Amino acid sequence: MSNNRVIALILVALIHIVLGYALVTGLAYEAFQEAVERVTTVDVDEPEPEEPEDEPPPPEEVPETVPPPFVPPPQLNLPTERTPTPSPSEIPPRSDVSRTPNKTCPDGSVVAATAACGPATKRCPDGTVVPVANACPEPPPPPPKFQPKDPTPRGSPGNWASTRDYPSRALREEREGVTRFRVNVGANGRVTNCTVTGSSGHSDLDQETCKLVTRRGRFNPATNGDGNDVAGTWSSAVRWQIPQ
């Protein structure tokens, strides 16, 4: 066989193969489509849509109301009836009560007519009432113009007696003590008298105390309520102690 004839046979065979393949493939595709349609296609009756129900109307808006302010009721001043109280002059005297007549005593007091008056009295200028026979009390003295003052020492009283003034005998016998005294001071500020109010237990120490205070003591005199210098008194003490 020649080459051309072989080639022609091959081409014819290929054409038949292709046509057969196409025929088989087309028939298979159609059978597949019919099977799919039979399986997947389902007639579903759709229900008719229901008519929507009418919605209820919205509630009516109620306007807010503000309560009126509280107003207290007016206070009524109603007149009250008062029972009039009769005055003493309107009260009729009771006929069933017997009245005892009164009398006025010399001192102005009123007593029953059958009673005796008390002793006659008088009123003094200060307002007190005393019997007529008695004298009125003396009025109190007027307050002083100045505050009265006692005498006061001039300088230091410690300088009026020193260790140099120690009595020699008491110094040798080593006697000690405290002498308390009171002096009278005149209006001129000088000591006019000295009195021992508390002894030291030794007469020579007491005597020396009054001698030194009388000789050396100087005072500012006392003053009275009028501010005038007057006599007065002053008290103190001297301690006698042997120097070491």
C-alpha atoms as a PDB file:
ATOM      1  CA  MET A   1       0.000   0.000   0.000  1.00  0.00           C
ATOM      2  CA  SER A   2       1.231   3.347  -0.781  1.00  0.00           C
ATOM      3  CA  ASN A   3       1.934   5.994   1.818  1.00  0.00           C
ATOM      4  CA  ASN A   4      -0.888   8.222   0.670  1.00  0.00           C
ATOM      5  CA  ARG A   5      -3.450   5.544   1.144  1.00  0.00           C
ATOM      6  CA  VAL A   6      -2.224   4.767   4.653  1.00  0.00           C
ATOM      7  CA  ILE A   7      -2.431   8.371   5.597  1.00  0.00           C
ATOM      8  CA  ALA A   8      -5.939   8.575   4.199  1.00  0.00           C
ATOM      9  CA  LEU A   9      -7.035   5.550   6.164  1.00  0.00           C
ATOM     10  CA  ILE A  10      -5.585   7.039   9.367  1.00  0.00           C
ATOM     11  CA  LEU A  11      -7.372  10.299   8.815  1.00  0.00           C
ATOM     12  CA  VAL A  12     -10.664   8.515   8.159  1.00  0.00           C
ATOM     13  CA  ALA A  13     -10.208   6.454  11.317  1.00  0.00           C
ATOM     14  CA  LEU A  14      -9.488   9.582  13.380  1.00  0.00           C
ATOM     15  CA  ILE A  15     -12.572  11.282  11.987  1.00  0.00           C
ATOM     16  CA  HIS A  16     -14.731   8.319  12.965  1.00  0.00           C
ATOM     17  CA  ILE A  17     -13.209   8.269  16.409  1.00  0.00           C
ATOM     18  CA  VAL A  18     -13.872  11.952  16.885  1.00  0.00           C
ATOM     19  CA  LEU A  19     -17.420  11.704  15.648  1.00  0.00           C
ATOM     20  CA  GLY A  20     -18.097   8.702  17.824  1.00  0.00           C
ATOM     21  CA  TYR A  21     -16.667  10.443  20.860  1.00  0.00           C
ATOM     22  CA  ALA A  22     -18.753  13.529  20.186  1.00  0.00           C
ATOM     23  CA  LEU A  23     -21.891  11.439  19.761  1.00  0.00           C
ATOM     24  CA  VAL A  24     -21.330   9.532  22.987  1.00  0.00           C
ATOM     25  CA  THR A  25     -20.437  12.648  24.913  1.00  0.00           C
ATOM     26  CA  GLY A  26     -23.511  14.560  23.697  1.00  0.00           C
ATOM     27  CA  LEU A  27     -25.915  11.752  24.596  1.00  0.00           C
ATOM     28  CA  ALA A  28     -24.380  11.377  28.079  1.00  0.00           C
ATOM     29  CA  TYR A  29     -24.646  15.171  28.753  1.00  0.00           C
ATOM     30  CA  GLU A  30     -28.344  15.205  27.780  1.00  0.00           C
ATOM     31  CA  ALA A  31     -29.098  12.198  30.022  1.00  0.00           C
ATOM     32  CA  PHE A  32     -27.278  13.928  32.907  1.00  0.00           C
ATOM     33  CA  GLN A  33     -29.260  17.181  32.443  1.00  0.00           C
ATOM     34  CA  GLU A  34     -32.563  15.261  32.453  1.00  0.00           C
ATOM     35  CA  ALA A  35     -31.628  13.439  35.665  1.00  0.00           C
ATOM     36  CA  VAL A  36     -30.647  16.713  37.348  1.00  0.00           C
ATOM     37  CA  GLU A  37     -33.890  18.361  36.367  1.00  0.00           C
ATOM     38  CA  ARG A  38     -35.904  15.415  37.700  1.00  0.00           C
ATOM     39  CA  VAL A  39     -34.056  15.494  41.025  1.00  0.00           C
ATOM     40  CA  THR A  40     -33.720  19.257  41.728  1.00  0.00           C
ATOM     41  CA  THR A  41     -36.862  20.596  40.144  1.00  0.00           C
ATOM     42  CA  VAL A  42     -39.669  20.645  42.755  1.00  0.00           C
ATOM     43  CA  ASP A  43     -42.858  22.617  42.375  1.00  0.00           C
ATOM     44  CA  VAL A  44     -43.431  24.602  45.551  1.00  0.00           C
ATOM     45  CA  ASP A  45     -46.702  26.364  46.015  1.00  0.00           C
ATOM     46  CA  GLU A  46     -45.924  29.722  47.595  1.00  0.00           C
ATOM     47  CA  PRO A  47     -48.606  30.845  50.104  1.00  0.00           C
ATOM     48  CA  GLU A  48     -50.384  34.013  49.393  1.00  0.00           C
ATOM     49  CA  PRO A  49     -49.069  36.918  51.525  1.00  0.00           C
ATOM     50  CA  GLU A  50     -51.290  37.731  54.465  1.00  0.00           C
ATOM     51  CA  GLU A  51     -52.696  41.161  54.701  1.00  0.00           C
ATOM     52  CA  PRO A  52     -51.003  43.166  57.460  1.00  0.00           C
ATOM     53  CA  GLU A  53     -53.095  43.798  60.527  1.00  0.00           C
ATOM     54  CA  ASP A  54     -53.965  47.354  61.335  1.00  0.00           C
ATOM     55  CA  GLU A  55     -51.571  48.719  64.002  1.00  0.00           C
ATOM     56  CA  PRO A  56     -53.257  50.315  67.020  1.00  0.00           C
ATOM     57  CA  PRO A  57     -53.072  54.077  67.065  1.00  0.00           C
ATOM     58  CA  PRO A  58     -50.383  55.580  69.341  1.00  0.00           C
ATOM     59  CA  PRO A  59     -51.569  56.818  72.778  1.00  0.00           C
ATOM     60  CA  GLU A  60     -52.572  60.403  72.959  1.00  0.00           C
ATOM     61  CA  GLU A  61     -50.030  62.667  74.594  1.00  0.00           C
ATOM     62  CA  VAL A  62     -51.295  64.016  77.932  1.00  0.00           C
ATOM     63  CA  PRO A  63     -49.815  67.444  78.729  1.00  0.00           C
ATOM     64  CA  GLU A  64     -48.049  67.675  82.057  1.00  0.00           C
ATOM     65  CA  THR A  65     -49.930  69.772  84.564  1.00  0.00           C
ATOM     66  CA  VAL A  66     -48.186  71.631  87.420  1.00  0.00           C
ATOM     67  CA  PRO A  67     -50.193  71.658  90.663  1.00  0.00           C
ATOM     68  CA  PRO A  68     -51.053  75.172  91.844  1.00  0.00           C
ATOM     69  CA  PRO A  69     -49.000  76.554  94.782  1.00  0.00           C
ATOM     70  CA  PHE A  70     -50.361  75.967  98.261  1.00  0.00           C
ATOM     71  CA  VAL A  71     -52.041  79.043  99.660  1.00  0.00           C
ATOM     72  CA  PRO A  72     -52.921  78.884 103.376  1.00  0.00           C
ATOM     73  CA  PRO A  73     -56.428  79.865 104.210  1.00  0.00           C
ATOM     74  CA  PRO A  74     -56.765  83.399 105.540  1.00  0.00           C
ATOM     75  CA  GLN A  75     -56.759  83.736 109.301  1.00  0.00           C
ATOM     76  CA  LEU A  76     -60.001  85.086 110.568  1.00  0.00           C
ATOM     77  CA  ASN A  77     -59.901  87.170 113.698  1.00  0.00           C
ATOM     78  CA  LEU A  78     -63.313  86.540 115.059  1.00  0.00           C
ATOM     79  CA  PRO A  79     -64.338  88.687 117.966  1.00  0.00           C
ATOM     80  CA  THR A  80     -64.648  86.718 121.171  1.00  0.00           C
ATOM     81  CA  GLU A  81     -67.262  87.498 123.656  1.00  0.00           C
ATOM     82  CA  ARG A  82     -65.874  88.416 127.043  1.00  0.00           C
ATOM     83  CA  THR A  83     -67.876  88.449 130.138  1.00  0.00           C
ATOM     84  CA  PRO A  84     -67.495  91.914 131.622  1.00  0.00           C
ATOM     85  CA  THR A  85     -66.049  91.924 135.108  1.00  0.00           C
ATOM     86  CA  PRO A  86     -67.968  94.237 137.358  1.00  0.00           C
ATOM     87  CA  SER A  87     -65.939  96.940 139.052  1.00  0.00           C
ATOM     88  CA  PRO A  88     -65.922  97.123 142.837  1.00  0.00           C
ATOM     89  CA  SER A  89     -68.331 100.026 142.643  1.00  0.00           C
ATOM     90  CA  GLU A  90     -70.831  97.925 140.674  1.00  0.00           C
ATOM     91  CA  ILE A  91     -70.798  94.969 143.092  1.00  0.00           C
ATOM     92  CA  PRO A  92     -73.805  95.383 145.329  1.00  0.00           C
ATOM     93  CA  PRO A  93     -73.079  95.078 149.011  1.00  0.00           C
ATOM     94  CA  ARG A  94     -74.244  91.920 150.664  1.00  0.00           C
ATOM     95  CA  SER A  95     -76.948  92.531 153.144  1.00  0.00           C
ATOM     96  CA  ASP A  96     -76.246  89.353 155.077  1.00  0.00           C
ATOM     97  CA  VAL A  97     -72.660  90.364 155.983  1.00  0.00           C
ATOM     98  CA  SER A  98     -72.197  92.682 158.902  1.00  0.00           C
ATOM     99  CA  ARG A  99     -69.434  95.270 158.503  1.00  0.00           C
ATOM    100  CA  THR A 100     -67.331  96.473 161.414  1.00  0.00           C
ATOM    101  CA  PRO A 101     -66.585 100.199 161.287  1.00  0.00           C
ATOM    102  CA  ASN A 102     -62.911 101.211 161.073  1.00  0.00           C
ATOM    103  CA  LYS A 103     -60.963 104.127 162.449  1.00  0.00           C
ATOM    104  CA  THR A 104     -57.766 105.901 161.449  1.00  0.00           C
ATOM    105  CA  CYS A 105     -54.990 106.102 164.052  1.00  0.00           C
ATOM    106  CA  PRO A 106     -52.717 109.139 164.502  1.00  0.00           C
ATOM    107  CA  ASP A 107     -49.915 107.391 162.634  1.00  0.00           C
ATOM    108  CA  GLY A 108     -52.171 106.943 159.581  1.00  0.00           C
ATOM    109  CA  SER A 109     -52.930 103.239 160.036  1.00  0.00           C
ATOM    110  CA  VAL A 110     -56.531 102.014 159.797  1.00  0.00           C
ATOM    111  CA  VAL A 111     -57.808  99.568 162.401  1.00  0.00           C
ATOM    112  CA  ALA A 112     -61.152  98.329 163.554  1.00  0.00           C
ATOM    113  CA  ALA A 113     -63.158 100.792 165.633  1.00  0.00           C
ATOM    114  CA  THR A 114     -63.019  98.458 168.609  1.00  0.00           C
ATOM    115  CA  ALA A 115     -59.198  97.918 168.330  1.00  0.00           C
ATOM    116  CA  ALA A 116     -56.652 100.063 170.078  1.00  0.00           C
ATOM    117  CA  CYS A 117     -54.205 102.079 168.082  1.00  0.00           C
ATOM    118  CA  GLY A 118     -50.528 101.281 168.423  1.00  0.00           C
ATOM    119  CA  PRO A 119     -47.970 103.712 169.833  1.00  0.00           C
ATOM    120  CA  ALA A 120     -47.636 106.916 167.928  1.00  0.00           C
ATOM    121  CA  THR A 121     -44.814 106.818 165.402  1.00  0.00           C
ATOM    122  CA  LYS A 122     -42.980 109.214 163.178  1.00  0.00           C
ATOM    123  CA  ARG A 123     -41.105 108.869 159.928  1.00  0.00           C
ATOM    124  CA  CYS A 124     -37.450 109.918 159.972  1.00  0.00           C
ATOM    125  CA  PRO A 125     -35.662 111.670 157.056  1.00  0.00           C
ATOM    126  CA  ASP A 126     -34.024 108.379 156.008  1.00  0.00           C
ATOM    127  CA  GLY A 127     -37.452 106.713 155.678  1.00  0.00           C
ATOM    128  CA  THR A 128     -37.415 104.682 158.897  1.00  0.00           C
ATOM    129  CA  VAL A 129     -40.441 104.784 161.227  1.00  0.00           C
ATOM    130  CA  VAL A 130     -39.775 105.068 164.956  1.00  0.00           C
ATOM    131  CA  PRO A 131     -41.946 105.855 167.975  1.00  0.00           C
ATOM    132  CA  VAL A 132     -42.532 109.530 168.582  1.00  0.00           C
ATOM    133  CA  ALA A 133     -40.591 109.371 171.853  1.00  0.00           C
ATOM    134  CA  ASN A 134     -37.481 107.955 170.148  1.00  0.00           C
ATOM    135  CA  ALA A 135     -34.903 109.956 168.246  1.00  0.00           C
ATOM    136  CA  CYS A 136     -34.206 109.268 164.606  1.00  0.00           C
ATOM    137  CA  PRO A 137     -30.950 107.410 163.864  1.00  0.00           C
ATOM    138  CA  GLU A 138     -27.938 109.492 162.945  1.00  0.00           C
ATOM    139  CA  PRO A 139     -27.297 109.636 159.184  1.00  0.00           C
ATOM    140  CA  PRO A 140     -24.199 107.727 158.060  1.00  0.00           C
ATOM    141  CA  PRO A 141     -21.044 109.797 157.612  1.00  0.00           C
ATOM    142  CA  PRO A 142     -20.239 110.879 154.069  1.00  0.00           C
ATOM    143  CA  PRO A 143     -17.694 108.746 152.218  1.00  0.00           C
ATOM    144  CA  PRO A 144     -14.097 109.942 152.583  1.00  0.00           C
ATOM    145  CA  LYS A 145     -12.598 112.084 149.867  1.00  0.00           C
ATOM    146  CA  PHE A 146      -9.298 110.177 150.093  1.00  0.00           C
ATOM    147  CA  GLN A 147      -8.397 106.637 151.056  1.00  0.00           C
ATOM    148  CA  PRO A 148      -6.833 106.733 154.536  1.00  0.00           C
ATOM    149  CA  LYS A 149      -3.257 105.404 154.662  1.00  0.00           C
ATOM    150  CA  ASP A 150      -0.990 104.094 157.429  1.00  0.00           C
ATOM    151  CA  PRO A 151       2.527 105.503 157.932  1.00  0.00           C
ATOM    152  CA  THR A 152       5.232 103.997 155.724  1.00  0.00           C
ATOM    153  CA  PRO A 153       9.014 103.927 156.380  1.00  0.00           C
ATOM    154  CA  ARG A 154      11.339 106.180 154.473  1.00  0.00           C
ATOM    155  CA  GLY A 155      14.204 104.158 153.090  1.00  0.00           C
ATOM    156  CA  SER A 156      14.999 100.603 154.232  1.00  0.00           C
ATOM    157  CA  PRO A 157      14.138  99.639 157.851  1.00  0.00           C
ATOM    158  CA  GLY A 158      16.985  97.090 157.687  1.00  0.00           C
ATOM    159  CA  ASN A 159      19.456  99.956 158.066  1.00  0.00           C
ATOM    160  CA  TRP A 160      18.006 101.028 161.433  1.00  0.00           C
ATOM    161  CA  ALA A 161      19.837  98.190 163.274  1.00  0.00           C
ATOM    162  CA  SER A 162      23.049  96.437 162.182  1.00  0.00           C
ATOM    163  CA  THR A 163      25.602  94.003 163.630  1.00  0.00           C
ATOM    164  CA  ARG A 164      27.609  96.999 164.896  1.00  0.00           C
ATOM    165  CA  ASP A 165      24.662  97.777 167.194  1.00  0.00           C
ATOM    166  CA  TYR A 166      24.742  94.288 168.834  1.00  0.00           C
ATOM    167  CA  PRO A 167      24.874  94.725 172.638  1.00  0.00           C
ATOM    168  CA  SER A 168      28.397  93.761 173.746  1.00  0.00           C
ATOM    169  CA  ARG A 169      27.303  91.588 176.683  1.00  0.00           C
ATOM    170  CA  ALA A 170      24.737  89.714 174.546  1.00  0.00           C
ATOM    171  CA  LEU A 171      27.443  89.273 171.908  1.00  0.00           C
ATOM    172  CA  ARG A 172      29.909  87.804 174.456  1.00  0.00           C
ATOM    173  CA  GLU A 173      27.224  85.478 175.805  1.00  0.00           C
ATOM    174  CA  GLU A 174      26.197  84.586 172.236  1.00  0.00           C
ATOM    175  CA  ARG A 175      22.542  85.394 172.834  1.00  0.00           C
ATOM    176  CA  GLU A 176      20.199  85.720 169.829  1.00  0.00           C
ATOM    177  CA  GLY A 177      16.484  86.337 169.273  1.00  0.00           C
ATOM    178  CA  VAL A 178      13.730  88.239 167.459  1.00  0.00           C
ATOM    179  CA  THR A 179      12.136  91.346 168.964  1.00  0.00           C
ATOM    180  CA  ARG A 180       8.705  92.386 167.660  1.00  0.00           C
ATOM    181  CA  PHE A 181       7.620  95.981 168.184  1.00  0.00           C
ATOM    182  CA  ARG A 182       5.005  98.627 167.371  1.00  0.00           C
ATOM    183  CA  VAL A 183       5.796 102.346 167.075  1.00  0.00           C
ATOM    184  CA  ASN A 184       3.529 105.399 167.195  1.00  0.00           C
ATOM    185  CA  VAL A 185       4.322 107.849 164.384  1.00  0.00           C
ATOM    186  CA  GLY A 186       3.342 111.489 164.660  1.00  0.00           C
ATOM    187  CA  ALA A 187       1.998 113.730 161.892  1.00  0.00           C
ATOM    188  CA  ASN A 188       5.601 114.891 161.343  1.00  0.00           C
ATOM    189  CA  GLY A 189       6.814 111.357 160.548  1.00  0.00           C
ATOM    190  CA  ARG A 190       8.897 110.921 163.731  1.00  0.00           C
ATOM    191  CA  VAL A 191       8.530 108.050 166.197  1.00  0.00           C
ATOM    192  CA  THR A 192       6.849 109.204 169.400  1.00  0.00           C
ATOM    193  CA  ASN A 193       6.677 105.864 171.233  1.00  0.00           C
ATOM    194  CA  CYS A 194       7.879 102.255 170.911  1.00  0.00           C
ATOM    195  CA  THR A 195       6.251  99.165 172.460  1.00  0.00           C
ATOM    196  CA  VAL A 196       7.665  95.599 172.473  1.00  0.00           C
ATOM    197  CA  THR A 197       4.880  93.274 171.292  1.00  0.00           C
ATOM    198  CA  GLY A 198       7.000  90.095 171.179  1.00  0.00           C
ATOM    199  CA  SER A 199      10.111  89.657 173.333  1.00  0.00           C
ATOM    200  CA  SER A 200      13.282  87.985 172.096  1.00  0.00           C
ATOM    201  CA  GLY A 201      13.734  86.491 175.560  1.00  0.00           C
ATOM    202  CA  HIS A 202      16.468  88.961 176.418  1.00  0.00           C
ATOM    203  CA  SER A 203      15.655  92.386 177.857  1.00  0.00           C
ATOM    204  CA  ASP A 204      18.821  94.058 176.605  1.00  0.00           C
ATOM    205  CA  LEU A 205      18.038  93.042 173.004  1.00  0.00           C
ATOM    206  CA  ASP A 206      14.448  94.323 173.372  1.00  0.00           C
ATOM    207  CA  GLN A 207      15.550  97.662 174.838  1.00  0.00           C
ATOM    208  CA  GLU A 208      18.187  98.138 172.138  1.00  0.00           C
ATOM    209  CA  THR A 209      15.568  97.498 169.464  1.00  0.00           C
ATOM    210  CA  CYS A 210      13.215 100.271 170.614  1.00  0.00           C
ATOM    211  CA  LYS A 211      16.138 102.682 171.194  1.00  0.00           C
ATOM    212  CA  LEU A 212      17.481 102.250 167.639  1.00  0.00           C
ATOM    213  CA  VAL A 213      14.051 102.423 165.941  1.00  0.00           C
ATOM    214  CA  THR A 214      13.055 105.556 167.871  1.00  0.00           C
ATOM    215  CA  ARG A 215      16.336 107.318 167.060  1.00  0.00           C
ATOM    216  CA  ARG A 216      16.740 106.293 163.409  1.00  0.00           C
ATOM    217  CA  GLY A 217      13.222 105.575 162.154  1.00  0.00           C
ATOM    218  CA  ARG A 218      11.742 108.085 159.700  1.00  0.00           C
ATOM    219  CA  PHE A 219       8.251 107.728 158.210  1.00  0.00           C
ATOM    220  CA  ASN A 220       5.835 109.172 155.747  1.00  0.00           C
ATOM    221  CA  PRO A 221       3.000 110.152 158.074  1.00  0.00           C
ATOM    222  CA  ALA A 222      -0.430 108.595 157.903  1.00  0.00           C
ATOM    223  CA  THR A 223      -3.245 110.450 156.120  1.00  0.00           C
ATOM    224  CA  ASN A 224      -6.965 110.644 156.840  1.00  0.00           C
ATOM    225  CA  GLY A 225     -10.006 110.743 154.518  1.00  0.00           C
ATOM    226  CA  ASP A 226      -9.426 114.427 153.827  1.00  0.00           C
ATOM    227  CA  GLY A 227      -5.808 113.823 152.783  1.00  0.00           C
ATOM    228  CA  ASN A 228      -4.356 115.483 155.904  1.00  0.00           C
ATOM    229  CA  ASP A 229      -1.315 114.104 157.780  1.00  0.00           C
ATOM    230  CA  VAL A 230      -2.293 112.428 161.031  1.00  0.00           C
ATOM    231  CA  ALA A 231      -0.692 110.191 163.655  1.00  0.00           C
ATOM    232  CA  GLY A 232      -0.585 106.445 163.077  1.00  0.00           C
ATOM    233  CA  THR A 233       1.109 103.189 164.063  1.00  0.00           C
ATOM    234  CA  TRP A 234       3.522 100.813 162.348  1.00  0.00           C
ATOM    235  CA  SER A 235       4.712  97.317 163.376  1.00  0.00           C
ATOM    236  CA  SER A 236       7.731  95.202 162.480  1.00  0.00           C
ATOM    237  CA  ALA A 237      10.502  93.030 163.994  1.00  0.00           C
ATOM    238  CA  VAL A 238      14.327  92.952 164.393  1.00  0.00           C
ATOM    239  CA  ARG A 239      16.240  89.667 164.251  1.00  0.00           C
ATOM    240  CA  TRP A 240      19.348  89.663 166.465  1.00  0.00           C
ATOM    241  CA  GLN A 241      21.843  87.154 165.076  1.00  0.00           C
ATOM    242  CA  ILE A 242      25.548  86.886 165.836  1.00  0.00           C
ATOM    243  CA  PRO A 243      27.581  87.394 162.642  1.00  0.00           C
ATOM    244  CA  GLN A 244      29.715  84.447 161.523  1.00  0.00           C
END
